[in-house]
């Protein structure tokens, strides 16, 4: 770490300030700056979690719709088999291998 001059606002006062810099030359944030950054990151993560939850709900709704369509199709096919005199409840899964 090293000290360097930084121009900016601290506690509503604009000026040149001595600030710490890391070995890569990046400004070391003040506690208030770090807390603000962490709050922003947490807010972004919360928004992302909400979006993921909405997507999961949409996927669940789509799966329910697909299941309902499959159920209706199965009922229709069963009715067609009954019309042909075949009891669909007596049909096995198919030919044995």
C-alpha atoms as a PDB file:
ATOM      1  CA  UNK A   1       0.000   0.000   0.000  1.00  0.00           C
ATOM      2  CA  UNK A   2       1.038   3.562  -0.519  1.00  0.00           C
ATOM      3  CA  UNK A   3      -0.336   7.044   0.035  1.00  0.00           C
ATOM      4  CA  UNK A   4      -1.304   9.250  -2.832  1.00  0.00           C
ATOM      5  CA  UNK A   5      -3.263  12.399  -3.526  1.00  0.00           C
ATOM      6  CA  UNK A   6      -6.872  11.918  -4.556  1.00  0.00           C
ATOM      7  CA  UNK A   7      -9.267  14.654  -5.646  1.00  0.00           C
ATOM      8  CA  UNK A   8     -12.865  14.180  -4.693  1.00  0.00           C
ATOM      9  CA  UNK A   9     -15.606  14.644  -2.138  1.00  0.00           C
ATOM     10  CA  UNK A  10     -15.317  13.385   1.428  1.00  0.00           C
ATOM     11  CA  UNK A  11     -18.045  14.293   3.904  1.00  0.00           C
ATOM     12  CA  UNK A  12     -19.500  16.847   1.467  1.00  0.00           C
ATOM     13  CA  UNK A  13     -16.161  18.658   1.089  1.00  0.00           C
ATOM     14  CA  UNK A  14     -14.402  18.688  -2.256  1.00  0.00           C
ATOM     15  CA  UNK A  15     -10.645  18.810  -2.191  1.00  0.00           C
ATOM     16  CA  UNK A  16      -7.381  16.986  -2.525  1.00  0.00           C
ATOM     17  CA  UNK A  17      -7.037  14.219   0.040  1.00  0.00           C
ATOM     18  CA  UNK A  18      -4.403  11.728   1.033  1.00  0.00           C
ATOM     19  CA  UNK A  19      -5.761   8.282   0.295  1.00  0.00           C
ATOM     20  CA  UNK A  20      -4.391   4.782   0.386  1.00  0.00           C
ATOM     21  CA  UNK A  21      -3.743   2.918  -2.842  1.00  0.00           C
ATOM     22  CA  UNK A  22      -3.041  -0.789  -3.166  1.00  0.00           C
ATOM     23  CA  UNK A  23      -0.058  -2.316  -4.948  1.00  0.00           C
ATOM     24  CA  UNK A  24      -2.033  -2.410  -8.207  1.00  0.00           C
ATOM     25  CA  UNK A  25      -2.617   1.342  -7.994  1.00  0.00           C
ATOM     26  CA  UNK A  26      -6.294   0.982  -7.099  1.00  0.00           C
ATOM     27  CA  UNK A  27      -7.803   3.367  -4.591  1.00  0.00           C
ATOM     28  CA  UNK A  28      -8.578   1.645  -1.285  1.00  0.00           C
ATOM     29  CA  UNK A  29     -12.183   2.512  -0.494  1.00  0.00           C
ATOM     30  CA  UNK A  30     -13.125   4.322   2.675  1.00  0.00           C
ATOM     31  CA  UNK A  31     -15.445   2.356   4.990  1.00  0.00           C
ATOM     32  CA  UNK A  32     -18.413   4.418   3.786  1.00  0.00           C
ATOM     33  CA  UNK A  33     -17.508   3.758   0.153  1.00  0.00           C
ATOM     34  CA  UNK A  34     -17.093   0.045   0.801  1.00  0.00           C
ATOM     35  CA  UNK A  35     -20.450  -0.107   2.611  1.00  0.00           C
ATOM     36  CA  UNK A  36     -22.170   1.727  -0.241  1.00  0.00           C
ATOM     37  CA  UNK A  37     -20.631  -0.651  -2.768  1.00  0.00           C
ATOM     38  CA  UNK A  38     -21.688  -3.690  -0.724  1.00  0.00           C
ATOM     39  CA  UNK A  39     -25.236  -2.321  -0.481  1.00  0.00           C
ATOM     40  CA  UNK A  40     -25.350  -1.828  -4.262  1.00  0.00           C
ATOM     41  CA  UNK A  41     -24.083  -5.366  -4.845  1.00  0.00           C
ATOM     42  CA  UNK A  42     -26.655  -6.752  -2.398  1.00  0.00           C
ATOM     43  CA  UNK A  43     -29.411  -4.828  -4.178  1.00  0.00           C
ATOM     44  CA  UNK A  44     -28.311  -6.191  -7.558  1.00  0.00           C
ATOM     45  CA  UNK A  45     -28.216  -9.723  -6.138  1.00  0.00           C
ATOM     46  CA  UNK A  46     -31.731  -9.267  -4.733  1.00  0.00           C
ATOM     47  CA  UNK A  47     -33.006  -8.103  -8.130  1.00  0.00           C
ATOM     48  CA  UNK A  48     -31.356 -11.082  -9.794  1.00  0.00           C
ATOM     49  CA  UNK A  49     -32.927 -13.444  -7.254  1.00  0.00           C
ATOM     50  CA  UNK A  50     -36.351 -11.902  -7.941  1.00  0.00           C
ATOM     51  CA  UNK A  51     -35.874 -12.361 -11.684  1.00  0.00           C
ATOM     52  CA  UNK A  52     -34.814 -15.979 -11.165  1.00  0.00           C
ATOM     53  CA  UNK A  53     -37.870 -16.577  -8.972  1.00  0.00           C
ATOM     54  CA  UNK A  54     -40.156 -15.109 -11.645  1.00  0.00           C
ATOM     55  CA  UNK A  55     -38.509 -17.309 -14.277  1.00  0.00           C
ATOM     56  CA  UNK A  56     -38.948 -20.378 -12.083  1.00  0.00           C
ATOM     57  CA  UNK A  57     -42.625 -19.525 -11.619  1.00  0.00           C
ATOM     58  CA  UNK A  58     -43.065 -19.135 -15.371  1.00  0.00           C
ATOM     59  CA  UNK A  59     -41.310 -22.461 -15.984  1.00  0.00           C
ATOM     60  CA  UNK A  60     -43.544 -24.157 -13.400  1.00  0.00           C
ATOM     61  CA  UNK A  61     -46.648 -22.666 -15.012  1.00  0.00           C
ATOM     62  CA  UNK A  62     -45.486 -23.846 -18.434  1.00  0.00           C
ATOM     63  CA  UNK A  63     -44.842 -27.340 -17.059  1.00  0.00           C
ATOM     64  CA  UNK A  64     -48.348 -27.382 -15.583  1.00  0.00           C
ATOM     65  CA  UNK A  65     -49.824 -26.336 -18.920  1.00  0.00           C
ATOM     66  CA  UNK A  66     -47.849 -29.015 -20.737  1.00  0.00           C
ATOM     67  CA  UNK A  67     -48.997 -31.623 -18.194  1.00  0.00           C
ATOM     68  CA  UNK A  68     -52.615 -30.553 -18.656  1.00  0.00           C
ATOM     69  CA  UNK A  69     -52.277 -30.815 -22.444  1.00  0.00           C
ATOM     70  CA  UNK A  70     -50.766 -34.285 -22.094  1.00  0.00           C
ATOM     71  CA  UNK A  71     -53.579 -35.310 -19.735  1.00  0.00           C
ATOM     72  CA  UNK A  72     -56.218 -34.047 -22.184  1.00  0.00           C
ATOM     73  CA  UNK A  73     -54.494 -35.836 -25.064  1.00  0.00           C
ATOM     74  CA  UNK A  74     -54.358 -39.077 -23.071  1.00  0.00           C
ATOM     75  CA  UNK A  75     -58.060 -38.770 -22.205  1.00  0.00           C
ATOM     76  CA  UNK A  76     -58.907 -38.170 -25.877  1.00  0.00           C
ATOM     77  CA  UNK A  77     -56.852 -41.168 -26.988  1.00  0.00           C
ATOM     78  CA  UNK A  78     -58.431 -43.323 -24.278  1.00  0.00           C
ATOM     79  CA  UNK A  79     -61.891 -42.261 -25.478  1.00  0.00           C
ATOM     80  CA  UNK A  80     -60.946 -43.171 -29.055  1.00  0.00           C
ATOM     81  CA  UNK A  81     -59.732 -46.591 -27.916  1.00  0.00           C
ATOM     82  CA  UNK A  82     -62.959 -47.174 -25.992  1.00  0.00           C
ATOM     83  CA  UNK A  83     -64.929 -46.225 -29.123  1.00  0.00           C
ATOM     84  CA  UNK A  84     -63.013 -48.968 -30.928  1.00  0.00           C
ATOM     85  CA  UNK A  85     -63.927 -51.434 -28.176  1.00  0.00           C
ATOM     86  CA  UNK A  86     -60.490 -51.438 -26.528  1.00  0.00           C
ATOM     87  CA  UNK A  87     -60.145 -50.911 -22.797  1.00  0.00           C
ATOM     88  CA  UNK A  88     -57.098 -48.588 -22.404  1.00  0.00           C
ATOM     89  CA  UNK A  89     -56.720 -49.645 -18.762  1.00  0.00           C
ATOM     90  CA  UNK A  90     -55.944 -53.197 -19.917  1.00  0.00           C
ATOM     91  CA  UNK A  91     -53.210 -52.190 -22.360  1.00  0.00           C
ATOM     92  CA  UNK A  92     -49.641 -52.855 -21.255  1.00  0.00           C
ATOM     93  CA  UNK A  93     -46.689 -50.614 -21.994  1.00  0.00           C
ATOM     94  CA  UNK A  94     -46.029 -52.280 -25.328  1.00  0.00           C
ATOM     95  CA  UNK A  95     -44.366 -55.401 -26.720  1.00  0.00           C
ATOM     96  CA  UNK A  96     -41.881 -57.154 -24.461  1.00  0.00           C
ATOM     97  CA  UNK A  97     -38.327 -57.304 -25.721  1.00  0.00           C
END
